[in-house]
Structures are given as C-alpha cells and as structure tokens.
C-alpha cells in the first residue's frame, strides 16, 4: 500500500544506477528516471534502447531491477525512500 498525503509532497531519497537522487512519493519510478535524465531502462535483443511506452504496464519496456528484484515495471512502482533502482545499462538491470 502506498502512502498518500494529498497536497503534501514527501521527498524520497533513492539511488538510480548508483547515484543518489531526490524524488517524491507521488512519482513513479519511470517519472523519476525521466527527471534523472535516464531515458533507457533496458536494451532490446538487437541492442536498441528501450523505455516506458504505454505507462500502464502492458508493453513491459520499462523493466528495471528495484532493491535487487528483477523485472519490476518502472511505470507501476512509486518511489520510496531508500529504493535502489538499476537499469540494464549498468549491467545490474533486468
């Protein structure tokens, strides 16, 4: 269950590919990656960069590793303090 406080942003200190970043708990992981300027979550089998396309979990293009758990959908997960996010670009991704 996600904490929700209407009108009040709560800062979530997260790690993206080993670098600290401040997001809010109202922000999806995909949105945090966009703000962090990381527009690639994984690579296709042909080596093409991939990122969230549909924003609702259907396309599966936004798969990342969150807190060591692979294949999490960045568009479906909300940021929480202490979250560690790795994309495939680090070699630690999905």
Protein backbone atom coordinates (compact mmCIF):
# COMPACT_ATOMS: atom_id res chain seq x y z
CA UNK A 1 0.00 0.00 0.00
CA UNK A 2 1.29 3.41 -0.97
CA UNK A 3 1.35 6.30 1.46
CA UNK A 4 -0.74 9.18 0.17
CA UNK A 5 -0.92 12.66 1.60
CA UNK A 6 -2.89 14.94 -0.75
CA UNK A 7 -1.26 18.29 -1.27
CA UNK A 8 1.93 17.33 0.54
CA UNK A 9 4.96 16.08 -1.34
CA UNK A 10 7.16 13.71 0.62
CA UNK A 11 10.76 13.52 -0.52
CA UNK A 12 12.03 10.03 -1.28
CA UNK A 13 15.81 9.68 -1.36
CA UNK A 14 16.51 6.97 -3.93
CA UNK A 15 19.50 5.58 -5.83
CA UNK A 16 19.49 5.36 -9.62
CA UNK A 17 22.31 3.32 -11.13
CA UNK A 18 24.44 4.01 -8.06
CA UNK A 19 23.81 7.77 -7.89
CA UNK A 20 21.66 9.48 -5.25
CA UNK A 21 18.52 11.27 -6.41
CA UNK A 22 15.61 13.01 -4.70
CA UNK A 23 12.15 12.12 -5.99
CA UNK A 24 8.73 12.34 -4.33
CA UNK A 25 6.50 9.53 -3.14
CA UNK A 26 3.87 10.75 -5.64
CA UNK A 27 6.26 9.96 -8.52
CA UNK A 28 6.51 6.68 -10.41
CA UNK A 29 9.95 5.17 -10.90
CA UNK A 30 9.59 5.86 -14.65
CA UNK A 31 8.94 9.56 -13.91
CA UNK A 32 11.97 9.66 -11.60
CA UNK A 33 14.12 8.13 -14.34
CA UNK A 34 12.89 10.83 -16.75
CA UNK A 35 13.71 13.60 -14.26
CA UNK A 36 17.10 11.99 -13.69
CA UNK A 37 17.54 12.16 -17.49
CA UNK A 38 17.88 8.41 -17.91
CA UNK A 39 15.66 7.58 -20.87
CA UNK A 40 16.75 3.95 -21.15
CA UNK A 41 15.61 1.16 -18.87
CA UNK A 42 16.89 -1.76 -20.92
CA UNK A 43 18.10 -2.88 -24.36
CA UNK A 44 16.24 -4.98 -26.88
CA UNK A 45 17.81 -8.23 -28.09
CA UNK A 46 19.10 -6.27 -31.11
CA UNK A 47 20.73 -3.66 -28.82
CA UNK A 48 18.17 -0.88 -29.27
CA UNK A 49 17.47 1.33 -26.22
CA UNK A 50 14.06 0.86 -24.57
CA UNK A 51 11.98 2.96 -22.18
CA UNK A 52 8.39 3.18 -20.94
CA UNK A 53 5.98 3.35 -23.88
CA UNK A 54 2.48 2.76 -22.57
CA UNK A 55 2.75 3.98 -18.96
CA UNK A 56 0.38 1.28 -17.69
CA UNK A 57 2.47 -1.90 -17.57
CA UNK A 58 1.29 -3.52 -20.79
CA UNK A 59 4.35 -3.04 -23.02
CA UNK A 60 6.89 -4.25 -20.41
CA UNK A 61 9.53 -1.91 -21.89
CA UNK A 62 10.17 -0.18 -18.55
CA UNK A 63 11.53 -3.24 -16.72
CA UNK A 64 14.18 -2.40 -14.12
CA UNK A 65 15.71 -4.01 -11.04
CA UNK A 66 14.37 -2.49 -7.81
CA UNK A 67 16.00 -3.37 -4.49
CA UNK A 68 17.53 -6.44 -6.12
CA UNK A 69 14.24 -7.70 -7.58
CA UNK A 70 14.39 -8.02 -11.39
CA UNK A 71 11.65 -7.29 -13.94
CA UNK A 72 9.84 -4.61 -11.94
CA UNK A 73 7.77 -2.24 -14.08
CA UNK A 74 9.01 1.32 -13.53
CA UNK A 75 5.67 2.80 -14.60
CA UNK A 76 3.81 0.78 -11.93
CA UNK A 77 6.11 1.36 -8.93
CA UNK A 78 6.06 4.51 -6.81
CA UNK A 79 9.26 5.92 -5.33
CA UNK A 80 10.01 5.15 -1.70
CA UNK A 81 12.95 6.34 0.41
CA UNK A 82 15.92 4.02 0.20
CA UNK A 83 14.84 2.46 -3.09
CA UNK A 84 17.72 1.21 -5.25
CA UNK A 85 16.95 1.23 -8.97
CA UNK A 86 19.21 -0.31 -11.59
CA UNK A 87 18.60 -0.20 -15.32
CA UNK A 88 20.08 -2.66 -17.77
CA UNK A 89 22.62 -0.01 -18.78
CA UNK A 90 24.57 -0.66 -15.53
CA UNK A 91 24.96 -4.39 -16.07
CA UNK A 92 22.85 -4.86 -12.90
CA UNK A 93 19.49 -4.37 -14.58
CA UNK A 94 16.76 -6.78 -15.51
